[in-house]
Amino acid sequence: MSDPQQSASGSSPVLDEALHRLSQTGPEFRGGLSNHGPMVVEALVRLGRQDEVERWVDGYLPQLAERPTPSARISEADEREALGDYRRVGDWLAYFTEQLEEAP
């Protein structure tokens, strides 16, 4: 039972939309637990339950915090110093986003 609109690369419009909505949130759920939203929506799509994804995301989003904003830029020169500093989660999200955008 796969998504009839799923491409050979494994993406689908339903999955892409859900991941976009979840990308605006932080990495935590209810203040300390991991945000497993992306994994859940991918599992639902892979199990052929893409019809449940939007409803599930609608119910899960209110329990998530907003994506943390960066406070200072992380560079390759100072990434070791920022490692493990939870106050820099927003900085790390910005750093990895930048790295992915620059990658071929």
C-alpha atoms as a PDB file:
ATOM      1  CA  MET A   1       0.000   0.000   0.000  1.00  0.00           C
ATOM      2  CA  SER A   2       2.184   2.832  -1.151  1.00  0.00           C
ATOM      3  CA  ASP A   3       1.278   6.384  -2.076  1.00  0.00           C
ATOM      4  CA  PRO A   4       0.278   6.378  -5.755  1.00  0.00           C
ATOM      5  CA  GLN A   5       1.821   9.847  -6.055  1.00  0.00           C
ATOM      6  CA  GLN A   6       5.082   8.780  -4.423  1.00  0.00           C
ATOM      7  CA  SER A   7       8.111   9.334  -6.626  1.00  0.00           C
ATOM      8  CA  ALA A   8      10.986   6.942  -7.190  1.00  0.00           C
ATOM      9  CA  SER A   9      13.017   9.036  -4.712  1.00  0.00           C
ATOM     10  CA  GLY A  10      10.488   8.194  -1.996  1.00  0.00           C
ATOM     11  CA  SER A  11       8.958  11.622  -1.578  1.00  0.00           C
ATOM     12  CA  SER A  12       5.286  12.405  -1.912  1.00  0.00           C
ATOM     13  CA  PRO A  13       3.270  15.648  -1.804  1.00  0.00           C
ATOM     14  CA  VAL A  14       1.628  14.569   1.474  1.00  0.00           C
ATOM     15  CA  LEU A  15       4.983  13.805   3.102  1.00  0.00           C
ATOM     16  CA  ASP A  16       6.606  16.968   1.752  1.00  0.00           C
ATOM     17  CA  GLU A  17       3.783  19.163   3.075  1.00  0.00           C
ATOM     18  CA  ALA A  18       3.829  17.517   6.519  1.00  0.00           C
ATOM     19  CA  LEU A  19       7.612  17.842   6.794  1.00  0.00           C
ATOM     20  CA  HIS A  20       7.383  21.494   5.788  1.00  0.00           C
ATOM     21  CA  ARG A  21       4.814  22.158   8.516  1.00  0.00           C
ATOM     22  CA  LEU A  22       6.932  20.346  11.112  1.00  0.00           C
ATOM     23  CA  SER A  23      10.123  22.147  10.037  1.00  0.00           C
ATOM     24  CA  GLN A  24       8.808  25.309  11.661  1.00  0.00           C
ATOM     25  CA  THR A  25       8.991  23.670  15.108  1.00  0.00           C
ATOM     26  CA  GLY A  26      11.765  22.895  17.534  1.00  0.00           C
ATOM     27  CA  PRO A  27      13.425  19.565  18.211  1.00  0.00           C
ATOM     28  CA  GLU A  28      11.511  18.964  21.428  1.00  0.00           C
ATOM     29  CA  PHE A  29       8.044  17.796  22.388  1.00  0.00           C
ATOM     30  CA  ARG A  30       6.486  18.938  25.668  1.00  0.00           C
ATOM     31  CA  GLY A  31       9.676  20.534  26.961  1.00  0.00           C
ATOM     32  CA  GLY A  32      12.288  17.815  26.909  1.00  0.00           C
ATOM     33  CA  LEU A  33      11.127  14.825  24.906  1.00  0.00           C
ATOM     34  CA  SER A  34      12.240  14.364  21.304  1.00  0.00           C
ATOM     35  CA  ASN A  35      10.013  15.615  18.515  1.00  0.00           C
ATOM     36  CA  HIS A  36       9.301  12.436  16.545  1.00  0.00           C
ATOM     37  CA  GLY A  37       6.854  14.154  14.198  1.00  0.00           C
ATOM     38  CA  PRO A  38       8.935  13.743  11.030  1.00  0.00           C
ATOM     39  CA  MET A  39       9.440  10.040  11.708  1.00  0.00           C
ATOM     40  CA  VAL A  40       5.736   9.477  12.389  1.00  0.00           C
ATOM     41  CA  VAL A  41       4.537  11.182   9.209  1.00  0.00           C
ATOM     42  CA  GLU A  42       7.048   9.276   7.113  1.00  0.00           C
ATOM     43  CA  ALA A  43       5.918   6.004   8.685  1.00  0.00           C
ATOM     44  CA  LEU A  44       2.258   6.827   8.014  1.00  0.00           C
ATOM     45  CA  VAL A  45       2.999   7.553   4.345  1.00  0.00           C
ATOM     46  CA  ARG A  46       5.132   4.413   3.940  1.00  0.00           C
ATOM     47  CA  LEU A  47       2.363   2.336   5.512  1.00  0.00           C
ATOM     48  CA  GLY A  48      -0.136   3.694   3.011  1.00  0.00           C
ATOM     49  CA  ARG A  49      -1.967   5.880   5.533  1.00  0.00           C
ATOM     50  CA  GLN A  50      -1.286   9.239   3.879  1.00  0.00           C
ATOM     51  CA  ASP A  51      -4.970  10.019   4.454  1.00  0.00           C
ATOM     52  CA  GLU A  52      -4.202  10.261   8.208  1.00  0.00           C
ATOM     53  CA  VAL A  53      -1.133  12.506   7.978  1.00  0.00           C
ATOM     54  CA  GLU A  54      -2.806  15.935   7.925  1.00  0.00           C
ATOM     55  CA  ARG A  55      -5.106  15.103  10.862  1.00  0.00           C
ATOM     56  CA  TRP A  56      -2.197  13.691  12.870  1.00  0.00           C
ATOM     57  CA  VAL A  57       0.000  16.743  12.217  1.00  0.00           C
ATOM     58  CA  ASP A  58      -2.907  19.064  13.127  1.00  0.00           C
ATOM     59  CA  GLY A  59      -3.138  17.374  16.536  1.00  0.00           C
ATOM     60  CA  TYR A  60       0.621  17.171  17.145  1.00  0.00           C
ATOM     61  CA  LEU A  61       1.678  20.705  16.182  1.00  0.00           C
ATOM     62  CA  PRO A  62       0.070  22.464  19.179  1.00  0.00           C
ATOM     63  CA  GLN A  63       2.229  20.341  21.502  1.00  0.00           C
ATOM     64  CA  LEU A  64       5.478  21.540  19.917  1.00  0.00           C
ATOM     65  CA  ALA A  65       7.501  24.645  20.659  1.00  0.00           C
ATOM     66  CA  GLU A  66       8.428  27.062  17.907  1.00  0.00           C
ATOM     67  CA  ARG A  67      11.739  26.556  16.183  1.00  0.00           C
ATOM     68  CA  PRO A  68      14.410  28.237  18.367  1.00  0.00           C
ATOM     69  CA  THR A  69      15.898  31.382  16.880  1.00  0.00           C
ATOM     70  CA  PRO A  70      19.662  31.631  16.493  1.00  0.00           C
ATOM     71  CA  SER A  71      21.555  33.938  18.842  1.00  0.00           C
ATOM     72  CA  ALA A  72      25.023  33.763  17.292  1.00  0.00           C
ATOM     73  CA  ARG A  73      26.441  32.257  14.114  1.00  0.00           C
ATOM     74  CA  ILE A  74      28.391  29.012  14.430  1.00  0.00           C
ATOM     75  CA  SER A  75      31.385  28.694  12.160  1.00  0.00           C
ATOM     76  CA  GLU A  76      33.691  25.763  11.531  1.00  0.00           C
ATOM     77  CA  ALA A  77      36.285  27.569  13.654  1.00  0.00           C
ATOM     78  CA  ASP A  78      34.090  27.705  16.791  1.00  0.00           C
ATOM     79  CA  GLU A  79      31.803  24.693  16.407  1.00  0.00           C
ATOM     80  CA  ARG A  80      33.664  22.731  19.126  1.00  0.00           C
ATOM     81  CA  GLU A  81      33.019  25.518  21.622  1.00  0.00           C
ATOM     82  CA  ALA A  82      29.274  25.459  20.827  1.00  0.00           C
ATOM     83  CA  LEU A  83      29.011  21.671  21.054  1.00  0.00           C
ATOM     84  CA  GLY A  84      26.740  20.474  23.850  1.00  0.00           C
ATOM     85  CA  ASP A  85      25.525  23.961  24.755  1.00  0.00           C
ATOM     86  CA  TYR A  86      21.737  23.567  24.799  1.00  0.00           C
ATOM     87  CA  ARG A  87      21.274  27.340  24.678  1.00  0.00           C
ATOM     88  CA  ARG A  88      22.698  27.155  21.135  1.00  0.00           C
ATOM     89  CA  VAL A  89      20.109  24.790  19.640  1.00  0.00           C
ATOM     90  CA  GLY A  90      18.825  27.593  17.397  1.00  0.00           C
ATOM     91  CA  ASP A  91      22.389  28.320  16.304  1.00  0.00           C
ATOM     92  CA  TRP A  92      22.927  24.658  15.416  1.00  0.00           C
ATOM     93  CA  LEU A  93      19.691  24.520  13.414  1.00  0.00           C
ATOM     94  CA  ALA A  94      20.809  27.580  11.447  1.00  0.00           C
ATOM     95  CA  TYR A  95      24.306  26.114  10.977  1.00  0.00           C
ATOM     96  CA  PHE A  96      23.044  22.798   9.590  1.00  0.00           C
ATOM     97  CA  THR A  97      20.477  24.537   7.375  1.00  0.00           C
ATOM     98  CA  GLU A  98      23.270  26.687   5.942  1.00  0.00           C
ATOM     99  CA  GLN A  99      25.501  23.650   5.419  1.00  0.00           C
ATOM    100  CA  LEU A 100      22.746  21.791   3.557  1.00  0.00           C
ATOM    101  CA  GLU A 101      21.974  24.798   1.370  1.00  0.00           C
ATOM    102  CA  GLU A 102      25.643  25.110   0.401  1.00  0.00           C
ATOM    103  CA  ALA A 103      26.099  21.400  -0.317  1.00  0.00           C
ATOM    104  CA  PRO A 104      26.077  20.187  -3.914  1.00  0.00           C
END
